[in-house]
Each structure stands twice: as C-alpha cells, then as structure tokens.
Amino acid sequence: MLWEAFGSVLLGLALAWAVDRQFSDRLPARRAVFLAGPLGALFGAYVTRAALGPDQVLGTLVGAVLIGAVLLSLLVRPSGRRLRKAFPF
C-alpha cells in the first residue's frame, strides 16, 4: 500500500509537469498545479483501491492517473479568445 501511494504521488507529479509544460499560459500558479497533481492522484489511488481491492496494483495506479488528470483539467482556463454567448441578453 505504501508503494502504491508513493507511485501515485510520483505519477501525479509527472502528470502535473506535463500539464504545466503544455498549458502553462492557461493555468493558475505553478504551486497550485504541482500541489493538485499529486493530491488528485493520491485521492484517485485511494478511491480506486477502495473500489477494486488491495490486489489490483496496476488498476490502482491507472485510476490514480485518471482522477489526477481530471482534477488537473479543472484548473485549465479557456484560451484567450472570447467565446460567443449562448443567450444574447
């Protein structure tokens, strides 16, 4: 269990680094990104381990990456172009 937690934190850091390199102009402060990545992956590992059981190490790490990616995607802001409003009022 300890190695799963350590692995999920490392995967979350790698994911945060990749997102920071790709979308650096559309993200908040780097501290928030590098904090949200590992925390999201750690939470994802916890949820996935609770759902799958203790013997599914690979599944737990995949779930950690997926939930960490979802959390990081919530930090990405829209691009600089303005979106058209759906309602004119």
PDB file of N, CA and C in Angstrom:
ATOM      1  N   MET A   1       0.816  -1.193   0.000  1.00  0.00           N
ATOM      2  CA  MET A   1       0.000   0.000   0.000  1.00  0.00           C
ATOM      3  C   MET A   1       0.861   1.259   0.000  1.00  0.00           C
ATOM      4  N   LEU A   2       1.952   1.203   0.716  1.00  0.00           N
ATOM      5  CA  LEU A   2       2.833   2.359   0.763  1.00  0.00           C
ATOM      6  C   LEU A   2       3.446   2.636  -0.609  1.00  0.00           C
ATOM      7  N   TRP A   3       3.792   1.561  -1.336  1.00  0.00           N
ATOM      8  CA  TRP A   3       4.371   1.744  -2.667  1.00  0.00           C
ATOM      9  C   TRP A   3       3.349   2.255  -3.664  1.00  0.00           C
ATOM     10  N   GLU A   4       2.099   1.866  -3.488  1.00  0.00           N
ATOM     11  CA  GLU A   4       1.051   2.401  -4.353  1.00  0.00           C
ATOM     12  C   GLU A   4       0.880   3.897  -4.123  1.00  0.00           C
ATOM     13  N   ALA A   5       0.912   4.310  -2.871  1.00  0.00           N
ATOM     14  CA  ALA A   5       0.781   5.738  -2.563  1.00  0.00           C
ATOM     15  C   ALA A   5       1.976   6.517  -3.112  1.00  0.00           C
ATOM     16  N   PHE A   6       3.163   5.979  -2.925  1.00  0.00           N
ATOM     17  CA  PHE A   6       4.365   6.645  -3.430  1.00  0.00           C
ATOM     18  C   PHE A   6       4.355   6.704  -4.955  1.00  0.00           C
ATOM     19  N   GLY A   7       3.955   5.619  -5.591  1.00  0.00           N
ATOM     20  CA  GLY A   7       3.879   5.592  -7.045  1.00  0.00           C
ATOM     21  C   GLY A   7       2.832   6.545  -7.586  1.00  0.00           C
ATOM     22  N   SER A   8       1.699   6.634  -6.900  1.00  0.00           N
ATOM     23  CA  SER A   8       0.657   7.549  -7.373  1.00  0.00           C
ATOM     24  C   SER A   8       1.084   9.002  -7.215  1.00  0.00           C
ATOM     25  N   VAL A   9       1.812   9.319  -6.156  1.00  0.00           N
ATOM     26  CA  VAL A   9       2.313  10.690  -5.993  1.00  0.00           C
ATOM     27  C   VAL A   9       3.323  11.017  -7.084  1.00  0.00           C
ATOM     28  N   LEU A  10       4.198  10.073  -7.400  1.00  0.00           N
ATOM     29  CA  LEU A  10       5.166  10.307  -8.481  1.00  0.00           C
ATOM     30  C   LEU A  10       4.475  10.449  -9.834  1.00  0.00           C
ATOM     31  N   LEU A  11       3.468   9.635 -10.080  1.00  0.00           N
ATOM     32  CA  LEU A  11       2.717   9.768 -11.327  1.00  0.00           C
ATOM     33  C   LEU A  11       1.956  11.095 -11.372  1.00  0.00           C
ATOM     34  N   GLY A  12       1.443  11.531 -10.244  1.00  0.00           N
ATOM     35  CA  GLY A  12       0.768  12.823 -10.186  1.00  0.00           C
ATOM     36  C   GLY A  12       1.722  13.977 -10.448  1.00  0.00           C
ATOM     37  N   LEU A  13       2.930  13.886  -9.924  1.00  0.00           N
ATOM     38  CA  LEU A  13       3.934  14.914 -10.203  1.00  0.00           C
ATOM     39  C   LEU A  13       4.318  14.931 -11.680  1.00  0.00           C
ATOM     40  N   ALA A  14       4.480  13.760 -12.270  1.00  0.00           N
ATOM     41  CA  ALA A  14       4.804  13.694 -13.701  1.00  0.00           C
ATOM     42  C   ALA A  14       3.661  14.248 -14.540  1.00  0.00           C
ATOM     43  N   LEU A  15       2.449  13.956 -14.150  1.00  0.00           N
ATOM     44  CA  LEU A  15       1.292  14.477 -14.866  1.00  0.00           C
ATOM     45  C   LEU A  15       1.195  15.991 -14.726  1.00  0.00           C
ATOM     46  N   ALA A  16       1.460  16.508 -13.529  1.00  0.00           N
ATOM     47  CA  ALA A  16       1.434  17.953 -13.314  1.00  0.00           C
ATOM     48  C   ALA A  16       2.530  18.639 -14.122  1.00  0.00           C
ATOM     49  N   TRP A  17       3.690  18.021 -14.211  1.00  0.00           N
ATOM     50  CA  TRP A  17       4.781  18.591 -15.006  1.00  0.00           C
ATOM     51  C   TRP A  17       4.401  18.645 -16.481  1.00  0.00           C
ATOM     52  N   ALA A  18       3.787  17.566 -16.976  1.00  0.00           N
ATOM     53  CA  ALA A  18       3.390  17.529 -18.389  1.00  0.00           C
ATOM     54  C   ALA A  18       2.307  18.567 -18.678  1.00  0.00           C
ATOM     55  N   VAL A  19       1.351  18.704 -17.790  1.00  0.00           N
ATOM     56  CA  VAL A  19       0.286  19.697 -17.979  1.00  0.00           C
ATOM     57  C   VAL A  19       0.863  21.104 -17.895  1.00  0.00           C
ATOM     58  N   ASP A  20       1.801  21.318 -16.995  1.00  0.00           N
ATOM     59  CA  ASP A  20       2.410  22.640 -16.859  1.00  0.00           C
ATOM     60  C   ASP A  20       3.201  23.013 -18.106  1.00  0.00           C
ATOM     61  N   ARG A  21       3.866  22.062 -18.709  1.00  0.00           N
ATOM     62  CA  ARG A  21       4.607  22.356 -19.941  1.00  0.00           C
ATOM     63  C   ARG A  21       3.674  22.610 -21.112  1.00  0.00           C
ATOM     64  N   GLN A  22       2.560  21.900 -21.171  1.00  0.00           N
ATOM     65  CA  GLN A  22       1.653  22.012 -22.302  1.00  0.00           C
ATOM     66  C   GLN A  22       0.756  23.250 -22.211  1.00  0.00           C
ATOM     67  N   PHE A  23       0.237  23.540 -21.032  1.00  0.00           N
ATOM     68  CA  PHE A  23      -0.748  24.603 -20.867  1.00  0.00           C
ATOM     69  C   PHE A  23      -0.291  25.671 -19.882  1.00  0.00           C
ATOM     70  N   SER A  24       0.956  26.045 -19.887  1.00  0.00           N
ATOM     71  CA  SER A  24       1.479  26.961 -18.871  1.00  0.00           C
ATOM     72  C   SER A  24       0.810  28.330 -18.912  1.00  0.00           C
ATOM     73  N   ASP A  25       0.363  28.770 -20.083  1.00  0.00           N
ATOM     74  CA  ASP A  25      -0.264  30.090 -20.169  1.00  0.00           C
ATOM     75  C   ASP A  25      -1.728  30.072 -19.744  1.00  0.00           C
ATOM     76  N   ARG A  26      -2.329  28.894 -19.604  1.00  0.00           N
ATOM     77  CA  ARG A  26      -3.747  28.788 -19.268  1.00  0.00           C
ATOM     78  C   ARG A  26      -3.982  28.221 -17.875  1.00  0.00           C
ATOM     79  N   LEU A  27      -2.943  28.130 -17.054  1.00  0.00           N
ATOM     80  CA  LEU A  27      -3.056  27.555 -15.719  1.00  0.00           C
ATOM     81  C   LEU A  27      -2.852  28.615 -14.644  1.00  0.00           C
ATOM     82  N   PRO A  28      -3.350  28.351 -13.445  1.00  0.00           N
ATOM     83  CA  PRO A  28      -3.029  29.260 -12.331  1.00  0.00           C
ATOM     84  C   PRO A  28      -1.573  29.078 -11.910  1.00  0.00           C
ATOM     85  N   ALA A  29      -1.229  29.506 -10.749  1.00  0.00           N
ATOM     86  CA  ALA A  29       0.153  29.446 -10.262  1.00  0.00           C
ATOM     87  C   ALA A  29       0.692  28.015 -10.291  1.00  0.00           C
ATOM     88  N   ARG A  30       1.978  27.900 -10.547  1.00  0.00           N
ATOM     89  CA  ARG A  30       2.609  26.583 -10.634  1.00  0.00           C
ATOM     90  C   ARG A  30       2.478  25.802  -9.338  1.00  0.00           C
ATOM     91  N   ARG A  31       2.474  26.502  -8.230  1.00  0.00           N
ATOM     92  CA  ARG A  31       2.345  25.843  -6.928  1.00  0.00           C
ATOM     93  C   ARG A  31       1.021  25.098  -6.848  1.00  0.00           C
ATOM     94  N   ALA A  32      -0.038  25.705  -7.357  1.00  0.00           N
ATOM     95  CA  ALA A  32      -1.355  25.058  -7.340  1.00  0.00           C
ATOM     96  C   ALA A  32      -1.371  23.827  -8.240  1.00  0.00           C
ATOM     97  N   VAL A  33      -0.705  23.912  -9.381  1.00  0.00           N
ATOM     98  CA  VAL A  33      -0.671  22.782 -10.314  1.00  0.00           C
ATOM     99  C   VAL A  33       0.123  21.632  -9.713  1.00  0.00           C
ATOM    100  N   PHE A  34       1.289  21.928  -9.158  1.00  0.00           N
ATOM    101  CA  PHE A  34       2.131  20.876  -8.607  1.00  0.00           C
ATOM    102  C   PHE A  34       1.633  20.373  -7.253  1.00  0.00           C
ATOM    103  N   LEU A  35       0.656  21.029  -6.687  1.00  0.00           N
ATOM    104  CA  LEU A  35       0.001  20.508  -5.493  1.00  0.00           C
ATOM    105  C   LEU A  35      -1.224  19.689  -5.868  1.00  0.00           C
ATOM    106  N   ALA A  36      -1.960  20.130  -6.881  1.00  0.00           N
ATOM    107  CA  ALA A  36      -3.186  19.440  -7.284  1.00  0.00           C
ATOM    108  C   ALA A  36      -2.885  18.106  -7.968  1.00  0.00           C
ATOM    109  N   GLY A  37      -1.810  18.016  -8.704  1.00  0.00           N
ATOM    110  CA  GLY A  37      -1.472  16.772  -9.399  1.00  0.00           C
ATOM    111  C   GLY A  37      -1.257  15.596  -8.458  1.00  0.00           C
ATOM    112  N   PRO A  38      -0.313  15.694  -7.529  1.00  0.00           N
ATOM    113  CA  PRO A  38      -0.109  14.572  -6.608  1.00  0.00           C
ATOM    114  C   PRO A  38      -1.284  14.328  -5.664  1.00  0.00           C
ATOM    115  N   LEU A  39      -1.943  15.393  -5.219  1.00  0.00           N
ATOM    116  CA  LEU A  39      -3.097  15.177  -4.338  1.00  0.00           C
ATOM    117  C   LEU A  39      -4.244  14.507  -5.068  1.00  0.00           C
ATOM    118  N   GLY A  40      -4.475  14.894  -6.314  1.00  0.00           N
ATOM    119  CA  GLY A  40      -5.506  14.245  -7.110  1.00  0.00           C
ATOM    120  C   GLY A  40      -5.185  12.787  -7.382  1.00  0.00           C
ATOM    121  N   ALA A  41      -3.925  12.508  -7.673  1.00  0.00           N
ATOM    122  CA  ALA A  41      -3.523  11.123  -7.919  1.00  0.00           C
ATOM    123  C   ALA A  41      -3.600  10.295  -6.638  1.00  0.00           C
ATOM    124  N   LEU A  42      -3.254  10.879  -5.519  1.00  0.00           N
ATOM    125  CA  LEU A  42      -3.340  10.157  -4.251  1.00  0.00           C
ATOM    126  C   LEU A  42      -4.798   9.865  -3.894  1.00  0.00           C
ATOM    127  N   PHE A  43      -5.664  10.830  -4.124  1.00  0.00           N
ATOM    128  CA  PHE A  43      -7.084  10.609  -3.888  1.00  0.00           C
ATOM    129  C   PHE A  43      -7.627   9.563  -4.860  1.00  0.00           C
ATOM    130  N   GLY A  44      -7.176   9.625  -6.105  1.00  0.00           N
ATOM    131  CA  GLY A  44      -7.590   8.639  -7.091  1.00  0.00           C
ATOM    132  C   GLY A  44      -7.140   7.235  -6.725  1.00  0.00           C
ATOM    133  N   ALA A  45      -5.935   7.116  -6.184  1.00  0.00           N
ATOM    134  CA  ALA A  45      -5.454   5.804  -5.738  1.00  0.00           C
ATOM    135  C   ALA A  45      -6.296   5.290  -4.574  1.00  0.00           C
ATOM    136  N   TYR A  46      -6.677   6.178  -3.681  1.00  0.00           N
ATOM    137  CA  TYR A  46      -7.500   5.778  -2.542  1.00  0.00           C
ATOM    138  C   TYR A  46      -8.867   5.281  -3.003  1.00  0.00           C
ATOM    139  N   VAL A  47      -9.502   6.041  -3.888  1.00  0.00           N
ATOM    140  CA  VAL A  47     -10.834   5.670  -4.374  1.00  0.00           C
ATOM    141  C   VAL A  47     -10.768   4.376  -5.193  1.00  0.00           C
ATOM    142  N   THR A  48      -9.770   4.260  -6.050  1.00  0.00           N
ATOM    143  CA  THR A  48      -9.658   3.080  -6.898  1.00  0.00           C
ATOM    144  C   THR A  48      -9.322   1.844  -6.076  1.00  0.00           C
ATOM    145  N   ARG A  49      -8.475   2.000  -5.084  1.00  0.00           N
ATOM    146  CA  ARG A  49      -8.139   0.860  -4.215  1.00  0.00           C
ATOM    147  C   ARG A  49      -9.353   0.412  -3.422  1.00  0.00           C
ATOM    148  N   ALA A  50     -10.159   1.373  -2.979  1.00  0.00           N
ATOM    149  CA  ALA A  50     -11.373   1.008  -2.249  1.00  0.00           C
ATOM    150  C   ALA A  50     -12.368   0.292  -3.163  1.00  0.00           C
ATOM    151  N   ALA A  51     -12.395   0.656  -4.436  1.00  0.00           N
ATOM    152  CA  ALA A  51     -13.340   0.037  -5.360  1.00  0.00           C
ATOM    153  C   ALA A  51     -12.857  -1.326  -5.857  1.00  0.00           C
ATOM    154  N   LEU A  52     -11.569  -1.458  -6.148  1.00  0.00           N
ATOM    155  CA  LEU A  52     -11.062  -2.685  -6.757  1.00  0.00           C
ATOM    156  C   LEU A  52     -10.543  -3.702  -5.758  1.00  0.00           C
ATOM    157  N   GLY A  53     -10.040  -3.256  -4.642  1.00  0.00           N
ATOM    158  CA  GLY A  53      -9.455  -4.160  -3.663  1.00  0.00           C
ATOM    159  C   GLY A  53      -7.943  -4.015  -3.616  1.00  0.00           C
ATOM    160  N   PRO A  54      -7.317  -4.660  -2.631  1.00  0.00           N
ATOM    161  CA  PRO A  54      -5.879  -4.450  -2.414  1.00  0.00           C
ATOM    162  C   PRO A  54      -4.957  -5.162  -3.404  1.00  0.00           C
ATOM    163  N   ASP A  55      -5.444  -6.114  -4.160  1.00  0.00           N
ATOM    164  CA  ASP A  55      -4.557  -6.880  -5.035  1.00  0.00           C
ATOM    165  C   ASP A  55      -4.419  -6.314  -6.432  1.00  0.00           C
ATOM    166  N   GLN A  56      -5.034  -5.208  -6.729  1.00  0.00           N
ATOM    167  CA  GLN A  56      -5.036  -4.629  -8.071  1.00  0.00           C
ATOM    168  C   GLN A  56      -4.116  -3.404  -8.130  1.00  0.00           C
ATOM    169  N   VAL A  57      -2.821  -3.638  -8.126  1.00  0.00           N
ATOM    170  CA  VAL A  57      -1.848  -2.537  -8.082  1.00  0.00           C
ATOM    171  C   VAL A  57      -1.885  -1.730  -9.377  1.00  0.00           C
ATOM    172  N   LEU A  58      -1.873  -2.389 -10.510  1.00  0.00           N
ATOM    173  CA  LEU A  58      -1.872  -1.683 -11.788  1.00  0.00           C
ATOM    174  C   LEU A  58      -3.173  -0.901 -11.984  1.00  0.00           C
ATOM    175  N   GLY A  59      -4.278  -1.495 -11.621  1.00  0.00           N
ATOM    176  CA  GLY A  59      -5.564  -0.799 -11.710  1.00  0.00           C
ATOM    177  C   GLY A  59      -5.633   0.406 -10.799  1.00  0.00           C
ATOM    178  N   THR A  60      -5.028   0.287  -9.626  1.00  0.00           N
ATOM    179  CA  THR A  60      -4.997   1.410  -8.694  1.00  0.00           C
ATOM    180  C   THR A  60      -4.193   2.564  -9.262  1.00  0.00           C
ATOM    181  N   LEU A  61      -3.063   2.265  -9.881  1.00  0.00           N
ATOM    182  CA  LEU A  61      -2.234   3.331 -10.455  1.00  0.00           C
ATOM    183  C   LEU A  61      -2.896   3.964 -11.678  1.00  0.00           C
ATOM    184  N   VAL A  62      -3.592   3.167 -12.465  1.00  0.00           N
ATOM    185  CA  VAL A  62      -4.316   3.724 -13.612  1.00  0.00           C
ATOM    186  C   VAL A  62      -5.432   4.639 -13.131  1.00  0.00           C
ATOM    187  N   GLY A  63      -6.156   4.212 -12.113  1.00  0.00           N
ATOM    188  CA  GLY A  63      -7.199   5.056 -11.539  1.00  0.00           C
ATOM    189  C   GLY A  63      -6.640   6.333 -10.945  1.00  0.00           C
ATOM    190  N   ALA A  64      -5.458   6.243 -10.344  1.00  0.00           N
ATOM    191  CA  ALA A  64      -4.817   7.431  -9.778  1.00  0.00           C
ATOM    192  C   ALA A  64      -4.482   8.440 -10.859  1.00  0.00           C
ATOM    193  N   VAL A  65      -3.958   7.968 -11.976  1.00  0.00           N
ATOM    194  CA  VAL A  65      -3.614   8.868 -13.082  1.00  0.00           C
ATOM    195  C   VAL A  65      -4.871   9.483 -13.680  1.00  0.00           C
ATOM    196  N   LEU A  66      -5.914   8.683 -13.849  1.00  0.00           N
ATOM    197  CA  LEU A  66      -7.139   9.204 -14.451  1.00  0.00           C
ATOM    198  C   LEU A  66      -7.797  10.273 -13.587  1.00  0.00           C
ATOM    199  N   ILE A  67      -7.917  10.024 -12.308  1.00  0.00           N
ATOM    200  CA  ILE A  67      -8.552  11.014 -11.432  1.00  0.00           C
ATOM    201  C   ILE A  67      -7.650  12.230 -11.258  1.00  0.00           C
ATOM    202  N   GLY A  68      -6.334  12.038 -11.231  1.00  0.00           N
ATOM    203  CA  GLY A  68      -5.420  13.178 -11.189  1.00  0.00           C
ATOM    204  C   GLY A  68      -5.524  14.037 -12.439  1.00  0.00           C
ATOM    205  N   ALA A  69      -5.695  13.405 -13.586  1.00  0.00           N
ATOM    206  CA  ALA A  69      -5.855  14.153 -14.837  1.00  0.00           C
ATOM    207  C   ALA A  69      -7.168  14.929 -14.847  1.00  0.00           C
ATOM    208  N   VAL A  70      -8.208  14.330 -14.311  1.00  0.00           N
ATOM    209  CA  VAL A  70      -9.488  15.040 -14.233  1.00  0.00           C
ATOM    210  C   VAL A  70      -9.366  16.266 -13.331  1.00  0.00           C
ATOM    211  N   LEU A  71      -8.701  16.117 -12.212  1.00  0.00           N
ATOM    212  CA  LEU A  71      -8.530  17.261 -11.312  1.00  0.00           C
ATOM    213  C   LEU A  71      -7.690  18.354 -11.960  1.00  0.00           C
ATOM    214  N   LEU A  72      -6.645  17.976 -12.650  1.00  0.00           N
ATOM    215  CA  LEU A  72      -5.821  18.982 -13.327  1.00  0.00           C
ATOM    216  C   LEU A  72      -6.562  19.642 -14.482  1.00  0.00           C
ATOM    217  N   SER A  73      -7.446  18.912 -15.128  1.00  0.00           N
ATOM    218  CA  SER A  73      -8.197  19.520 -16.219  1.00  0.00           C
ATOM    219  C   SER A  73      -9.157  20.589 -15.716  1.00  0.00           C
ATOM    220  N   LEU A  74      -9.551  20.495 -14.468  1.00  0.00           N
ATOM    221  CA  LEU A  74     -10.417  21.530 -13.901  1.00  0.00           C
ATOM    222  C   LEU A  74      -9.675  22.844 -13.674  1.00  0.00           C
ATOM    223  N   LEU A  75      -8.359  22.803 -13.642  1.00  0.00           N
ATOM    224  CA  LEU A  75      -7.572  24.019 -13.436  1.00  0.00           C
ATOM    225  C   LEU A  75      -7.325  24.796 -14.726  1.00  0.00           C
ATOM    226  N   VAL A  76      -7.474  24.153 -15.871  1.00  0.00           N
ATOM    227  CA  VAL A  76      -7.178  24.797 -17.149  1.00  0.00           C
ATOM    228  C   VAL A  76      -8.275  25.810 -17.475  1.00  0.00           C
ATOM    229  N   ARG A  77      -7.853  27.036 -17.728  1.00  0.00           N
ATOM    230  CA  ARG A  77      -8.786  28.101 -18.096  1.00  0.00           C
ATOM    231  C   ARG A  77      -8.977  28.130 -19.606  1.00  0.00           C
ATOM    232  N   PRO A  78     -10.064  28.749 -20.061  1.00  0.00           N
ATOM    233  CA  PRO A  78     -10.275  28.866 -21.512  1.00  0.00           C
ATOM    234  C   PRO A  78      -9.162  29.676 -22.165  1.00  0.00           C
ATOM    235  N   SER A  79      -9.003  29.494 -23.460  1.00  0.00           N
ATOM    236  CA  SER A  79      -7.969  30.231 -24.176  1.00  0.00           C
ATOM    237  C   SER A  79      -8.324  31.715 -24.243  1.00  0.00           C
ATOM    238  N   GLY A  80      -7.439  32.509 -24.804  1.00  0.00           N
ATOM    239  CA  GLY A  80      -7.601  33.959 -24.838  1.00  0.00           C
ATOM    240  C   GLY A  80      -8.757  34.442 -25.682  1.00  0.00           C
ATOM    241  N   ARG A  81      -9.190  33.648 -26.629  1.00  0.00           N
ATOM    242  CA  ARG A  81     -10.291  34.109 -27.481  1.00  0.00           C
ATOM    243  C   ARG A  81     -11.592  34.052 -26.709  1.00  0.00           C
ATOM    244  N   ARG A  82     -12.453  34.988 -27.012  1.00  0.00           N
ATOM    245  CA  ARG A  82     -13.744  35.075 -26.333  1.00  0.00           C
ATOM    246  C   ARG A  82     -14.714  34.071 -26.936  1.00  0.00           C
ATOM    247  N   LEU A  83     -15.456  33.429 -26.097  1.00  0.00           N
ATOM    248  CA  LEU A  83     -16.485  32.515 -26.568  1.00  0.00           C
ATOM    249  C   LEU A  83     -17.777  33.282 -26.786  1.00  0.00           C
ATOM    250  N   ARG A  84     -18.534  32.864 -27.767  1.00  0.00           N
ATOM    251  CA  ARG A  84     -19.802  33.503 -28.040  1.00  0.00           C
ATOM    252  C   ARG A  84     -20.818  33.100 -26.991  1.00  0.00           C
ATOM    253  N   LYS A  85     -21.603  34.038 -26.532  1.00  0.00           N
ATOM    254  CA  LYS A  85     -22.620  33.745 -25.539  1.00  0.00           C
ATOM    255  C   LYS A  85     -23.781  32.999 -26.185  1.00  0.00           C
ATOM    256  N   ALA A  86     -24.364  32.082 -25.453  1.00  0.00           N
ATOM    257  CA  ALA A  86     -25.488  31.317 -25.966  1.00  0.00           C
ATOM    258  C   ALA A  86     -26.763  32.160 -25.984  1.00  0.00           C
ATOM    259  N   PHE A  87     -26.883  33.015 -24.989  1.00  0.00           N
ATOM    260  CA  PHE A  87     -28.068  33.867 -24.888  1.00  0.00           C
ATOM    261  C   PHE A  87     -27.636  35.314 -25.090  1.00  0.00           C
ATOM    262  N   PRO A  88     -28.321  36.067 -25.941  1.00  0.00           N
ATOM    263  CA  PRO A  88     -27.881  37.439 -26.231  1.00  0.00           C
ATOM    264  C   PRO A  88     -28.192  38.433 -25.109  1.00  0.00           C
ATOM    265  N   PHE A  89     -28.919  38.067 -24.102  1.00  0.00           N
ATOM    266  CA  PHE A  89     -29.264  39.030 -23.042  1.00  0.00           C
ATOM    267  C   PHE A  89     -28.426  38.881 -21.829  1.00  0.00           C
TER     268      PHE A  89
END
